[in-house]
Amino acid sequence: MKTVTVEQIAEICHNANRAYQKSLGEEGVSWERAPKGIKDSVIAGVAYRLNNPLSSPEGQHDNWLKDKIKDGFTFGEKKSIKDKTHPCILPYAQLPEEQRIKDELFVAIVDTFKNRVEPFEIEN
């Protein structure tokens, strides 16, 4: 069985999220053009899921939210890395359904690869 790296799973998650964003009329940057901070966030999310396989999509969001707040992000109508604002800086229950689906997709993708991932060490 071919193995994959955490980074490869992160790229798949990012690209799936980008395609879903496009279906919602949102913009998203390709993995190749994504800033290091975005890539690091997705990689950390994959590592969290692999280390917490029973966590719900809500738990996945809560972990992402905690990291974003720690990095200085606040709620904002528009996503801006420069201004550190994001419209999903909200408790999971307050997210619109289409935003909660992003967490469900993320969890499903990581779970698909969980038995094929190479050993890894990522600090959370």
PDB file of N, CA and C in Angstrom:
ATOM      1  N   MET A   1       0.845  -1.176   0.000  1.00  0.00           N
ATOM      2  CA  MET A   1       0.000   0.000   0.000  1.00  0.00           C
ATOM      3  C   MET A   1       0.894   1.244   0.000  1.00  0.00           C
ATOM      4  N   LYS A   2       0.635   2.157  -0.922  1.00  0.00           N
ATOM      5  CA  LYS A   2       1.404   3.397  -1.019  1.00  0.00           C
ATOM      6  C   LYS A   2       1.070   4.319   0.146  1.00  0.00           C
ATOM      7  N   THR A   3       2.106   4.919   0.732  1.00  0.00           N
ATOM      8  CA  THR A   3       1.890   5.838   1.841  1.00  0.00           C
ATOM      9  C   THR A   3       1.852   7.281   1.333  1.00  0.00           C
ATOM     10  N   VAL A   4       1.303   8.142   2.154  1.00  0.00           N
ATOM     11  CA  VAL A   4       1.251   9.571   1.865  1.00  0.00           C
ATOM     12  C   VAL A   4       1.790  10.327   3.069  1.00  0.00           C
ATOM     13  N   THR A   5       2.223  11.544   2.822  1.00  0.00           N
ATOM     14  CA  THR A   5       2.718  12.377   3.911  1.00  0.00           C
ATOM     15  C   THR A   5       1.593  13.278   4.421  1.00  0.00           C
ATOM     16  N   VAL A   6       1.801  13.815   5.594  1.00  0.00           N
ATOM     17  CA  VAL A   6       0.850  14.777   6.154  1.00  0.00           C
ATOM     18  C   VAL A   6       0.710  15.961   5.204  1.00  0.00           C
ATOM     19  N   GLU A   7       1.819  16.392   4.630  1.00  0.00           N
ATOM     20  CA  GLU A   7       1.784  17.524   3.706  1.00  0.00           C
ATOM     21  C   GLU A   7       0.957  17.206   2.465  1.00  0.00           C
ATOM     22  N   GLN A   8       1.046  15.982   1.950  1.00  0.00           N
ATOM     23  CA  GLN A   8       0.240  15.601   0.785  1.00  0.00           C
ATOM     24  C   GLN A   8      -1.253  15.591   1.129  1.00  0.00           C
ATOM     25  N   ILE A   9      -1.588  15.090   2.306  1.00  0.00           N
ATOM     26  CA  ILE A   9      -2.994  15.108   2.737  1.00  0.00           C
ATOM     27  C   ILE A   9      -3.461  16.552   2.873  1.00  0.00           C
ATOM     28  N   ALA A  10      -2.612  17.408   3.419  1.00  0.00           N
ATOM     29  CA  ALA A  10      -2.965  18.823   3.578  1.00  0.00           C
ATOM     30  C   ALA A  10      -3.238  19.462   2.224  1.00  0.00           C
ATOM     31  N   GLU A  11      -2.426  19.157   1.233  1.00  0.00           N
ATOM     32  CA  GLU A  11      -2.641  19.718  -0.104  1.00  0.00           C
ATOM     33  C   GLU A  11      -3.974  19.252  -0.681  1.00  0.00           C
ATOM     34  N   ILE A  12      -4.312  17.992  -0.488  1.00  0.00           N
ATOM     35  CA  ILE A  12      -5.600  17.466  -0.962  1.00  0.00           C
ATOM     36  C   ILE A  12      -6.747  18.185  -0.252  1.00  0.00           C
ATOM     37  N   CYS A  13      -6.645  18.327   1.060  1.00  0.00           N
ATOM     38  CA  CYS A  13      -7.687  19.034   1.824  1.00  0.00           C
ATOM     39  C   CYS A  13      -7.841  20.467   1.332  1.00  0.00           C
ATOM     40  N   HIS A  14      -6.723  21.137   1.134  1.00  0.00           N
ATOM     41  CA  HIS A  14      -6.746  22.526   0.675  1.00  0.00           C
ATOM     42  C   HIS A  14      -7.417  22.633  -0.693  1.00  0.00           C
ATOM     43  N   ASN A  15      -7.036  21.757  -1.600  1.00  0.00           N
ATOM     44  CA  ASN A  15      -7.600  21.813  -2.948  1.00  0.00           C
ATOM     45  C   ASN A  15      -9.092  21.484  -2.962  1.00  0.00           C
ATOM     46  N   ALA A  16      -9.515  20.543  -2.138  1.00  0.00           N
ATOM     47  CA  ALA A  16     -10.942  20.218  -2.043  1.00  0.00           C
ATOM     48  C   ALA A  16     -11.706  21.417  -1.476  1.00  0.00           C
ATOM     49  N   ASN A  17     -11.151  22.056  -0.453  1.00  0.00           N
ATOM     50  CA  ASN A  17     -11.786  23.231   0.133  1.00  0.00           C
ATOM     51  C   ASN A  17     -11.860  24.360  -0.893  1.00  0.00           C
ATOM     52  N   ARG A  18     -10.805  24.520  -1.661  1.00  0.00           N
ATOM     53  CA  ARG A  18     -10.783  25.569  -2.692  1.00  0.00           C
ATOM     54  C   ARG A  18     -11.870  25.315  -3.736  1.00  0.00           C
ATOM     55  N   ALA A  19     -12.027  24.063  -4.155  1.00  0.00           N
ATOM     56  CA  ALA A  19     -13.078  23.729  -5.127  1.00  0.00           C
ATOM     57  C   ALA A  19     -14.459  23.995  -4.529  1.00  0.00           C
ATOM     58  N   TYR A  20     -14.637  23.635  -3.270  1.00  0.00           N
ATOM     59  CA  TYR A  20     -15.913  23.880  -2.611  1.00  0.00           C
ATOM     60  C   TYR A  20     -16.160  25.387  -2.484  1.00  0.00           C
ATOM     61  N   GLN A  21     -15.135  26.142  -2.102  1.00  0.00           N
ATOM     62  CA  GLN A  21     -15.260  27.603  -2.017  1.00  0.00           C
ATOM     63  C   GLN A  21     -15.715  28.174  -3.364  1.00  0.00           C
ATOM     64  N   LYS A  22     -15.105  27.686  -4.435  1.00  0.00           N
ATOM     65  CA  LYS A  22     -15.462  28.172  -5.769  1.00  0.00           C
ATOM     66  C   LYS A  22     -16.937  27.910  -6.056  1.00  0.00           C
ATOM     67  N   SER A  23     -17.451  26.746  -5.621  1.00  0.00           N
ATOM     68  CA  SER A  23     -18.864  26.428  -5.846  1.00  0.00           C
ATOM     69  C   SER A  23     -19.784  27.385  -5.082  1.00  0.00           C
ATOM     70  N   LEU A  24     -19.250  28.002  -4.035  1.00  0.00           N
ATOM     71  CA  LEU A  24     -20.016  28.965  -3.242  1.00  0.00           C
ATOM     72  C   LEU A  24     -19.822  30.405  -3.728  1.00  0.00           C
ATOM     73  N   GLY A  25     -18.994  30.566  -4.750  1.00  0.00           N
ATOM     74  CA  GLY A  25     -18.710  31.909  -5.249  1.00  0.00           C
ATOM     75  C   GLY A  25     -17.622  32.618  -4.479  1.00  0.00           C
ATOM     76  N   GLU A  26     -16.888  31.859  -3.659  1.00  0.00           N
ATOM     77  CA  GLU A  26     -15.788  32.430  -2.878  1.00  0.00           C
ATOM     78  C   GLU A  26     -14.478  32.246  -3.637  1.00  0.00           C
ATOM     79  N   GLU A  27     -13.511  33.062  -3.301  1.00  0.00           N
ATOM     80  CA  GLU A  27     -12.192  32.928  -3.906  1.00  0.00           C
ATOM     81  C   GLU A  27     -11.288  32.137  -2.980  1.00  0.00           C
ATOM     82  N   GLY A  28     -10.351  31.457  -3.580  1.00  0.00           N
ATOM     83  CA  GLY A  28      -9.355  30.718  -2.813  1.00  0.00           C
ATOM     84  C   GLY A  28      -8.070  30.655  -3.613  1.00  0.00           C
ATOM     85  N   VAL A  29      -6.983  30.582  -2.926  1.00  0.00           N
ATOM     86  CA  VAL A  29      -5.679  30.545  -3.568  1.00  0.00           C
ATOM     87  C   VAL A  29      -5.233  29.087  -3.728  1.00  0.00           C
ATOM     88  N   SER A  30      -4.512  28.802  -4.806  1.00  0.00           N
ATOM     89  CA  SER A  30      -4.009  27.449  -5.030  1.00  0.00           C
ATOM     90  C   SER A  30      -2.981  27.096  -3.952  1.00  0.00           C
ATOM     91  N   TRP A  31      -2.769  25.805  -3.745  1.00  0.00           N
ATOM     92  CA  TRP A  31      -1.776  25.339  -2.773  1.00  0.00           C
ATOM     93  C   TRP A  31      -0.400  25.909  -3.117  1.00  0.00           C
ATOM     94  N   GLU A  32      -0.063  25.912  -4.395  1.00  0.00           N
ATOM     95  CA  GLU A  32       1.248  26.399  -4.828  1.00  0.00           C
ATOM     96  C   GLU A  32       1.455  27.868  -4.482  1.00  0.00           C
ATOM     97  N   ARG A  33       0.377  28.654  -4.507  1.00  0.00           N
ATOM     98  CA  ARG A  33       0.484  30.084  -4.246  1.00  0.00           C
ATOM     99  C   ARG A  33       0.111  30.455  -2.813  1.00  0.00           C
ATOM    100  N   ALA A  34      -0.307  29.482  -2.040  1.00  0.00           N
ATOM    101  CA  ALA A  34      -0.743  29.759  -0.662  1.00  0.00           C
ATOM    102  C   ALA A  34       0.445  30.204   0.191  1.00  0.00           C
ATOM    103  N   PRO A  35       0.244  31.229   0.999  1.00  0.00           N
ATOM    104  CA  PRO A  35       1.301  31.653   1.922  1.00  0.00           C
ATOM    105  C   PRO A  35       1.622  30.547   2.929  1.00  0.00           C
ATOM    106  N   LYS A  36       2.824  30.602   3.455  1.00  0.00           N
ATOM    107  CA  LYS A  36       3.281  29.603   4.422  1.00  0.00           C
ATOM    108  C   LYS A  36       2.299  29.461   5.584  1.00  0.00           C
ATOM    109  N   GLY A  37       1.735  30.561   6.055  1.00  0.00           N
ATOM    110  CA  GLY A  37       0.811  30.513   7.184  1.00  0.00           C
ATOM    111  C   GLY A  37      -0.422  29.665   6.887  1.00  0.00           C
ATOM    112  N   ILE A  38      -0.938  29.763   5.672  1.00  0.00           N
ATOM    113  CA  ILE A  38      -2.098  28.947   5.295  1.00  0.00           C
ATOM    114  C   ILE A  38      -1.699  27.477   5.232  1.00  0.00           C
ATOM    115  N   LYS A  39      -0.575  27.202   4.589  1.00  0.00           N
ATOM    116  CA  LYS A  39      -0.116  25.806   4.491  1.00  0.00           C
ATOM    117  C   LYS A  39       0.119  25.223   5.887  1.00  0.00           C
ATOM    118  N   ASP A  40       0.777  25.992   6.746  1.00  0.00           N
ATOM    119  CA  ASP A  40       1.041  25.514   8.104  1.00  0.00           C
ATOM    120  C   ASP A  40      -0.260  25.226   8.854  1.00  0.00           C
ATOM    121  N   SER A  41      -1.278  26.065   8.643  1.00  0.00           N
ATOM    122  CA  SER A  41      -2.566  25.873   9.306  1.00  0.00           C
ATOM    123  C   SER A  41      -3.242  24.582   8.841  1.00  0.00           C
ATOM    124  N   VAL A  42      -3.196  24.327   7.545  1.00  0.00           N
ATOM    125  CA  VAL A  42      -3.813  23.103   7.020  1.00  0.00           C
ATOM    126  C   VAL A  42      -3.046  21.868   7.491  1.00  0.00           C
ATOM    127  N   ILE A  43      -1.735  21.941   7.465  1.00  0.00           N
ATOM    128  CA  ILE A  43      -0.908  20.824   7.943  1.00  0.00           C
ATOM    129  C   ILE A  43      -1.197  20.544   9.420  1.00  0.00           C
ATOM    130  N   ALA A  44      -1.305  21.610  10.215  1.00  0.00           N
ATOM    131  CA  ALA A  44      -1.624  21.448  11.637  1.00  0.00           C
ATOM    132  C   ALA A  44      -3.005  20.820  11.814  1.00  0.00           C
ATOM    133  N   GLY A  45      -3.948  21.194  10.957  1.00  0.00           N
ATOM    134  CA  GLY A  45      -5.289  20.606  11.018  1.00  0.00           C
ATOM    135  C   GLY A  45      -5.277  19.120  10.706  1.00  0.00           C
ATOM    136  N   VAL A  46      -4.478  18.724   9.728  1.00  0.00           N
ATOM    137  CA  VAL A  46      -4.345  17.300   9.400  1.00  0.00           C
ATOM    138  C   VAL A  46      -3.730  16.559  10.580  1.00  0.00           C
ATOM    139  N   ALA A  47      -2.661  17.112  11.137  1.00  0.00           N
ATOM    140  CA  ALA A  47      -2.007  16.472  12.287  1.00  0.00           C
ATOM    141  C   ALA A  47      -2.979  16.346  13.456  1.00  0.00           C
ATOM    142  N   TYR A  48      -3.767  17.393  13.700  1.00  0.00           N
ATOM    143  CA  TYR A  48      -4.754  17.344  14.785  1.00  0.00           C
ATOM    144  C   TYR A  48      -5.724  16.186  14.558  1.00  0.00           C
ATOM    145  N   ARG A  49      -6.229  16.072  13.349  1.00  0.00           N
ATOM    146  CA  ARG A  49      -7.196  15.002  13.054  1.00  0.00           C
ATOM    147  C   ARG A  49      -6.561  13.624  13.223  1.00  0.00           C
ATOM    148  N   LEU A  50      -5.354  13.460  12.740  1.00  0.00           N
ATOM    149  CA  LEU A  50      -4.683  12.165  12.864  1.00  0.00           C
ATOM    150  C   LEU A  50      -4.423  11.814  14.330  1.00  0.00           C
ATOM    151  N   ASN A  51      -4.138  12.822  15.140  1.00  0.00           N
ATOM    152  CA  ASN A  51      -3.882  12.602  16.566  1.00  0.00           C
ATOM    153  C   ASN A  51      -5.158  12.547  17.400  1.00  0.00           C
ATOM    154  N   ASN A  52      -6.275  12.971  16.827  1.00  0.00           N
ATOM    155  CA  ASN A  52      -7.567  13.003  17.531  1.00  0.00           C
ATOM    156  C   ASN A  52      -8.655  12.424  16.614  1.00  0.00           C
ATOM    157  N   PRO A  53      -8.555  11.150  16.283  1.00  0.00           N
ATOM    158  CA  PRO A  53      -9.448  10.573  15.271  1.00  0.00           C
ATOM    159  C   PRO A  53     -10.923  10.523  15.665  1.00  0.00           C
ATOM    160  N   LEU A  54     -11.232  10.700  16.920  1.00  0.00           N
ATOM    161  CA  LEU A  54     -12.640  10.669  17.350  1.00  0.00           C
ATOM    162  C   LEU A  54     -13.241  12.068  17.455  1.00  0.00           C
ATOM    163  N   SER A  55     -12.436  13.080  17.171  1.00  0.00           N
ATOM    164  CA  SER A  55     -12.923  14.453  17.236  1.00  0.00           C
ATOM    165  C   SER A  55     -13.971  14.683  16.145  1.00  0.00           C
ATOM    166  N   SER A  56     -14.993  15.426  16.477  1.00  0.00           N
ATOM    167  CA  SER A  56     -16.062  15.745  15.533  1.00  0.00           C
ATOM    168  C   SER A  56     -15.617  16.888  14.609  1.00  0.00           C
ATOM    169  N   PRO A  57     -16.384  17.150  13.552  1.00  0.00           N
ATOM    170  CA  PRO A  57     -16.089  18.344  12.753  1.00  0.00           C
ATOM    171  C   PRO A  57     -16.104  19.614  13.613  1.00  0.00           C
ATOM    172  N   GLU A  58     -16.964  19.650  14.628  1.00  0.00           N
ATOM    173  CA  GLU A  58     -16.974  20.793  15.541  1.00  0.00           C
ATOM    174  C   GLU A  58     -15.651  20.892  16.290  1.00  0.00           C
ATOM    175  N   GLY A  59     -15.131  19.754  16.744  1.00  0.00           N
ATOM    176  CA  GLY A  59     -13.834  19.750  17.416  1.00  0.00           C
ATOM    177  C   GLY A  59     -12.722  20.199  16.488  1.00  0.00           C
ATOM    178  N   GLN A  60     -12.806  19.796  15.239  1.00  0.00           N
ATOM    179  CA  GLN A  60     -11.823  20.220  14.235  1.00  0.00           C
ATOM    180  C   GLN A  60     -11.862  21.739  14.087  1.00  0.00           C
ATOM    181  N   HIS A  61     -13.067  22.286  13.985  1.00  0.00           N
ATOM    182  CA  HIS A  61     -13.209  23.741  13.867  1.00  0.00           C
ATOM    183  C   HIS A  61     -12.693  24.437  15.124  1.00  0.00           C
ATOM    184  N   ASP A  62     -13.050  23.909  16.293  1.00  0.00           N
ATOM    185  CA  ASP A  62     -12.605  24.517  17.549  1.00  0.00           C
ATOM    186  C   ASP A  62     -11.082  24.577  17.624  1.00  0.00           C
ATOM    187  N   ASN A  63     -10.411  23.518  17.151  1.00  0.00           N
ATOM    188  CA  ASN A  63      -8.951  23.511  17.152  1.00  0.00           C
ATOM    189  C   ASN A  63      -8.412  24.572  16.190  1.00  0.00           C
ATOM    190  N   TRP A  64      -8.998  24.661  15.003  1.00  0.00           N
ATOM    191  CA  TRP A  64      -8.606  25.684  14.025  1.00  0.00           C
ATOM    192  C   TRP A  64      -8.825  27.077  14.613  1.00  0.00           C
ATOM    193  N   LEU A  65      -9.984  27.274  15.240  1.00  0.00           N
ATOM    194  CA  LEU A  65     -10.340  28.563  15.825  1.00  0.00           C
ATOM    195  C   LEU A  65      -9.342  28.968  16.902  1.00  0.00           C
ATOM    196  N   LYS A  66      -8.991  28.033  17.760  1.00  0.00           N
ATOM    197  CA  LYS A  66      -8.023  28.296  18.827  1.00  0.00           C
ATOM    198  C   LYS A  66      -6.688  28.750  18.240  1.00  0.00           C
ATOM    199  N   ASP A  67      -6.240  28.061  17.195  1.00  0.00           N
ATOM    200  CA  ASP A  67      -4.972  28.431  16.559  1.00  0.00           C
ATOM    201  C   ASP A  67      -5.046  29.797  15.895  1.00  0.00           C
ATOM    202  N   LYS A  68      -6.155  30.092  15.228  1.00  0.00           N
ATOM    203  CA  LYS A  68      -6.300  31.389  14.554  1.00  0.00           C
ATOM    204  C   LYS A  68      -6.318  32.530  15.576  1.00  0.00           C
ATOM    205  N   ILE A  69      -7.050  32.348  16.656  1.00  0.00           N
ATOM    206  CA  ILE A  69      -7.110  33.385  17.695  1.00  0.00           C
ATOM    207  C   ILE A  69      -5.727  33.583  18.319  1.00  0.00           C
ATOM    208  N   LYS A  70      -5.032  32.481  18.561  1.00  0.00           N
ATOM    209  CA  LYS A  70      -3.671  32.556  19.100  1.00  0.00           C
ATOM    210  C   LYS A  70      -2.751  33.342  18.163  1.00  0.00           C
ATOM    211  N   ASP A  71      -3.008  33.225  16.850  1.00  0.00           N
ATOM    212  CA  ASP A  71      -2.211  33.949  15.853  1.00  0.00           C
ATOM    213  C   ASP A  71      -2.669  35.391  15.656  1.00  0.00           C
ATOM    214  N   GLY A  72      -3.688  35.825  16.418  1.00  0.00           N
ATOM    215  CA  GLY A  72      -4.120  37.215  16.369  1.00  0.00           C
ATOM    216  C   GLY A  72      -5.291  37.498  15.442  1.00  0.00           C
ATOM    217  N   PHE A  73      -5.911  36.448  14.886  1.00  0.00           N
ATOM    218  CA  PHE A  73      -7.059  36.666  14.010  1.00  0.00           C
ATOM    219  C   PHE A  73      -8.300  37.033  14.817  1.00  0.00           C
ATOM    220  N   THR A  74      -9.151  37.854  14.208  1.00  0.00           N
ATOM    221  CA  THR A  74     -10.433  38.237  14.783  1.00  0.00           C
ATOM    222  C   THR A  74     -11.509  38.062  13.717  1.00  0.00           C
ATOM    223  N   PHE A  75     -12.757  38.131  14.165  1.00  0.00           N
ATOM    224  CA  PHE A  75     -13.863  38.028  13.218  1.00  0.00           C
ATOM    225  C   PHE A  75     -13.856  39.236  12.299  1.00  0.00           C
ATOM    226  N   GLY A  76     -14.123  38.966  11.032  1.00  0.00           N
ATOM    227  CA  GLY A  76     -14.277  40.031  10.043  1.00  0.00           C
ATOM    228  C   GLY A  76     -15.140  39.523   8.905  1.00  0.00           C
ATOM    229  N   GLU A  77     -15.899  40.412   8.311  1.00  0.00           N
ATOM    230  CA  GLU A  77     -16.783  40.026   7.200  1.00  0.00           C
ATOM    231  C   GLU A  77     -15.985  39.454   6.034  1.00  0.00           C
ATOM    232  N   LYS A  78     -14.769  39.941   5.830  1.00  0.00           N
ATOM    233  CA  LYS A  78     -13.902  39.495   4.738  1.00  0.00           C
ATOM    234  C   LYS A  78     -12.671  38.797   5.308  1.00  0.00           C
ATOM    235  N   LYS A  79     -12.255  37.735   4.624  1.00  0.00           N
ATOM    236  CA  LYS A  79     -11.023  37.049   5.007  1.00  0.00           C
ATOM    237  C   LYS A  79      -9.846  37.881   4.515  1.00  0.00           C
ATOM    238  N   SER A  80      -8.928  38.204   5.432  1.00  0.00           N
ATOM    239  CA  SER A  80      -7.742  38.978   5.090  1.00  0.00           C
ATOM    240  C   SER A  80      -6.575  38.505   5.950  1.00  0.00           C
ATOM    241  N   ILE A  81      -5.584  37.965   5.285  1.00  0.00           N
ATOM    242  CA  ILE A  81      -4.383  37.542   6.015  1.00  0.00           C
ATOM    243  C   ILE A  81      -3.655  38.775   6.545  1.00  0.00           C
ATOM    244  N   LYS A  82      -3.619  39.815   5.731  1.00  0.00           N
ATOM    245  CA  LYS A  82      -2.937  41.054   6.127  1.00  0.00           C
ATOM    246  C   LYS A  82      -3.567  41.658   7.380  1.00  0.00           C
ATOM    247  N   ASP A  83      -4.904  41.735   7.390  1.00  0.00           N
ATOM    248  CA  ASP A  83      -5.605  42.338   8.527  1.00  0.00           C
ATOM    249  C   ASP A  83      -5.934  41.331   9.629  1.00  0.00           C
ATOM    250  N   LYS A  84      -5.631  40.067   9.367  1.00  0.00           N
ATOM    251  CA  LYS A  84      -5.911  38.977  10.304  1.00  0.00           C
ATOM    252  C   LYS A  84      -7.389  38.932  10.697  1.00  0.00           C
ATOM    253  N   THR A  85      -8.234  38.952   9.665  1.00  0.00           N
ATOM    254  CA  THR A  85      -9.677  38.814   9.881  1.00  0.00           C
ATOM    255  C   THR A  85     -10.186  37.618   9.098  1.00  0.00           C
ATOM    256  N   HIS A  86     -11.243  37.014   9.621  1.00  0.00           N
ATOM    257  CA  HIS A  86     -11.823  35.833   8.974  1.00  0.00           C
ATOM    258  C   HIS A  86     -13.287  35.721   9.390  1.00  0.00           C
ATOM    259  N   PRO A  87     -14.191  35.462   8.427  1.00  0.00           N
ATOM    260  CA  PRO A  87     -15.613  35.359   8.769  1.00  0.00           C
ATOM    261  C   PRO A  87     -15.987  34.089   9.539  1.00  0.00           C
ATOM    262  N   CYS A  88     -15.067  33.136   9.656  1.00  0.00           N
ATOM    263  CA  CYS A  88     -15.360  31.896  10.398  1.00  0.00           C
ATOM    264  C   CYS A  88     -14.792  31.911  11.814  1.00  0.00           C
ATOM    265  N   ILE A  89     -14.350  33.072  12.279  1.00  0.00           N
ATOM    266  CA  ILE A  89     -13.903  33.186  13.670  1.00  0.00           C
ATOM    267  C   ILE A  89     -15.167  33.306  14.526  1.00  0.00           C
ATOM    268  N   LEU A  90     -15.844  32.194  14.624  1.00  0.00           N
ATOM    269  CA  LEU A  90     -17.112  32.060  15.356  1.00  0.00           C
ATOM    270  C   LEU A  90     -17.186  30.664  15.949  1.00  0.00           C
ATOM    271  N   PRO A  91     -17.978  30.483  17.001  1.00  0.00           N
ATOM    272  CA  PRO A  91     -18.235  29.118  17.466  1.00  0.00           C
ATOM    273  C   PRO A  91     -18.903  28.315  16.342  1.00  0.00           C
ATOM    274  N   TYR A  92     -18.620  27.038  16.311  1.00  0.00           N
ATOM    275  CA  TYR A  92     -19.122  26.151  15.256  1.00  0.00           C
ATOM    276  C   TYR A  92     -20.630  26.284  15.069  1.00  0.00           C
ATOM    277  N   ALA A  93     -21.381  26.321  16.146  1.00  0.00           N
ATOM    278  CA  ALA A  93     -22.846  26.385  16.072  1.00  0.00           C
ATOM    279  C   ALA A  93     -23.341  27.664  15.394  1.00  0.00           C
ATOM    280  N   GLN A  94     -22.507  28.702  15.368  1.00  0.00           N
ATOM    281  CA  GLN A  94     -22.904  29.961  14.742  1.00  0.00           C
ATOM    282  C   GLN A  94     -22.498  30.055  13.266  1.00  0.00           C
ATOM    283  N   LEU A  95     -21.748  29.061  12.815  1.00  0.00           N
ATOM    284  CA  LEU A  95     -21.340  29.073  11.406  1.00  0.00           C
ATOM    285  C   LEU A  95     -22.523  28.724  10.510  1.00  0.00           C
ATOM    286  N   PRO A  96     -22.611  29.352   9.340  1.00  0.00           N
ATOM    287  CA  PRO A  96     -23.624  28.922   8.382  1.00  0.00           C
ATOM    288  C   PRO A  96     -23.345  27.475   7.951  1.00  0.00           C
ATOM    289  N   GLU A  97     -24.368  26.768   7.579  1.00  0.00           N
ATOM    290  CA  GLU A  97     -24.239  25.355   7.181  1.00  0.00           C
ATOM    291  C   GLU A  97     -23.156  25.155   6.122  1.00  0.00           C
ATOM    292  N   GLU A  98     -23.105  26.035   5.128  1.00  0.00           N
ATOM    293  CA  GLU A  98     -22.115  25.845   4.062  1.00  0.00           C
ATOM    294  C   GLU A  98     -20.684  25.965   4.583  1.00  0.00           C
ATOM    295  N   GLN A  99     -20.487  26.677   5.676  1.00  0.00           N
ATOM    296  CA  GLN A  99     -19.154  26.758   6.277  1.00  0.00           C
ATOM    297  C   GLN A  99     -18.854  25.525   7.127  1.00  0.00           C
ATOM    298  N   ARG A 100     -19.859  24.976   7.785  1.00  0.00           N
ATOM    299  CA  ARG A 100     -19.654  23.750   8.569  1.00  0.00           C
ATOM    300  C   ARG A 100     -19.294  22.578   7.662  1.00  0.00           C
ATOM    301  N   ILE A 101     -19.796  22.602   6.444  1.00  0.00           N
ATOM    302  CA  ILE A 101     -19.485  21.531   5.491  1.00  0.00           C
ATOM    303  C   ILE A 101     -17.987  21.467   5.229  1.00  0.00           C
ATOM    304  N   LYS A 102     -17.299  22.587   5.267  1.00  0.00           N
ATOM    305  CA  LYS A 102     -15.845  22.601   5.064  1.00  0.00           C
ATOM    306  C   LYS A 102     -15.151  21.716   6.101  1.00  0.00           C
ATOM    307  N   ASP A 103     -15.606  21.801   7.357  1.00  0.00           N
ATOM    308  CA  ASP A 103     -15.009  20.962   8.411  1.00  0.00           C
ATOM    309  C   ASP A 103     -15.341  19.491   8.184  1.00  0.00           C
ATOM    310  N   GLU A 104     -16.555  19.218   7.737  1.00  0.00           N
ATOM    311  CA  GLU A 104     -16.950  17.833   7.451  1.00  0.00           C
ATOM    312  C   GLU A 104     -16.117  17.253   6.310  1.00  0.00           C
ATOM    313  N   LEU A 105     -15.890  18.028   5.261  1.00  0.00           N
ATOM    314  CA  LEU A 105     -15.051  17.580   4.145  1.00  0.00           C
ATOM    315  C   LEU A 105     -13.623  17.313   4.611  1.00  0.00           C
ATOM    316  N   PHE A 106     -13.099  18.229   5.402  1.00  0.00           N
ATOM    317  CA  PHE A 106     -11.728  18.097   5.903  1.00  0.00           C
ATOM    318  C   PHE A 106     -11.560  16.786   6.668  1.00  0.00           C
ATOM    319  N   VAL A 107     -12.475  16.541   7.604  1.00  0.00           N
ATOM    320  CA  VAL A 107     -12.429  15.321   8.424  1.00  0.00           C
ATOM    321  C   VAL A 107     -12.528  14.083   7.535  1.00  0.00           C
ATOM    322  N   ALA A 108     -13.438  14.103   6.577  1.00  0.00           N
ATOM    323  CA  ALA A 108     -13.628  12.939   5.696  1.00  0.00           C
ATOM    324  C   ALA A 108     -12.381  12.657   4.865  1.00  0.00           C
ATOM    325  N   ILE A 109     -11.742  13.696   4.369  1.00  0.00           N
ATOM    326  CA  ILE A 109     -10.539  13.500   3.557  1.00  0.00           C
ATOM    327  C   ILE A 109      -9.409  12.930   4.397  1.00  0.00           C
ATOM    328  N   VAL A 110      -9.165  13.508   5.561  1.00  0.00           N
ATOM    329  CA  VAL A 110      -8.084  12.996   6.414  1.00  0.00           C
ATOM    330  C   VAL A 110      -8.378  11.542   6.798  1.00  0.00           C
ATOM    331  N   ASP A 111      -9.616  11.250   7.145  1.00  0.00           N
ATOM    332  CA  ASP A 111      -9.967   9.879   7.526  1.00  0.00           C
ATOM    333  C   ASP A 111      -9.741   8.891   6.386  1.00  0.00           C
ATOM    334  N   THR A 112      -9.923   9.334   5.161  1.00  0.00           N
ATOM    335  CA  THR A 112      -9.707   8.469   4.002  1.00  0.00           C
ATOM    336  C   THR A 112      -8.253   7.998   3.931  1.00  0.00           C
ATOM    337  N   PHE A 113      -7.334   8.855   4.340  1.00  0.00           N
ATOM    338  CA  PHE A 113      -5.908   8.550   4.231  1.00  0.00           C
ATOM    339  C   PHE A 113      -5.255   8.104   5.538  1.00  0.00           C
ATOM    340  N   LYS A 114      -6.002   8.057   6.632  1.00  0.00           N
ATOM    341  CA  LYS A 114      -5.391   7.848   7.953  1.00  0.00           C
ATOM    342  C   LYS A 114      -4.593   6.558   8.075  1.00  0.00           C
ATOM    343  N   ASN A 115      -4.942   5.522   7.332  1.00  0.00           N
ATOM    344  CA  ASN A 115      -4.205   4.256   7.412  1.00  0.00           C
ATOM    345  C   ASN A 115      -3.051   4.177   6.427  1.00  0.00           C
ATOM    346  N   ARG A 116      -2.808   5.263   5.719  1.00  0.00           N
ATOM    347  CA  ARG A 116      -1.732   5.282   4.722  1.00  0.00           C
ATOM    348  C   ARG A 116      -0.679   6.340   4.999  1.00  0.00           C
ATOM    349  N   VAL A 117      -0.835   7.046   6.088  1.00  0.00           N
ATOM    350  CA  VAL A 117       0.069   8.163   6.349  1.00  0.00           C
ATOM    351  C   VAL A 117       1.395   7.683   6.925  1.00  0.00           C
ATOM    352  N   GLU A 118       2.458   8.327   6.442  1.00  0.00           N
ATOM    353  CA  GLU A 118       3.793   8.038   6.963  1.00  0.00           C
ATOM    354  C   GLU A 118       3.901   8.555   8.385  1.00  0.00           C
ATOM    355  N   PRO A 119       4.751   7.952   9.197  1.00  0.00           N
ATOM    356  CA  PRO A 119       4.962   8.487  10.557  1.00  0.00           C
ATOM    357  C   PRO A 119       5.357   9.958  10.485  1.00  0.00           C
ATOM    358  N   PHE A 120       4.887  10.731  11.444  1.00  0.00           N
ATOM    359  CA  PHE A 120       5.133  12.165  11.417  1.00  0.00           C
ATOM    360  C   PHE A 120       5.266  12.708  12.817  1.00  0.00           C
ATOM    361  N   GLU A 121       5.880  13.881  12.889  1.00  0.00           N
ATOM    362  CA  GLU A 121       5.961  14.628  14.142  1.00  0.00           C
ATOM    363  C   GLU A 121       5.675  16.080  13.803  1.00  0.00           C
ATOM    364  N   ILE A 122       4.562  16.580  14.321  1.00  0.00           N
ATOM    365  CA  ILE A 122       4.218  17.992  14.137  1.00  0.00           C
ATOM    366  C   ILE A 122       3.760  18.493  15.491  1.00  0.00           C
ATOM    367  N   GLU A 123       4.329  19.599  15.907  1.00  0.00           N
ATOM    368  CA  GLU A 123       3.936  20.171  17.187  1.00  0.00           C
ATOM    369  C   GLU A 123       2.601  20.867  17.040  1.00  0.00           C
ATOM    370  N   ASN A 124       1.713  20.657  18.008  1.00  0.00           N
ATOM    371  CA  ASN A 124       0.428  21.362  18.020  1.00  0.00           C
ATOM    372  C   ASN A 124       0.446  22.468  19.027  1.00  0.00           C
TER     373      ASN A 124
END
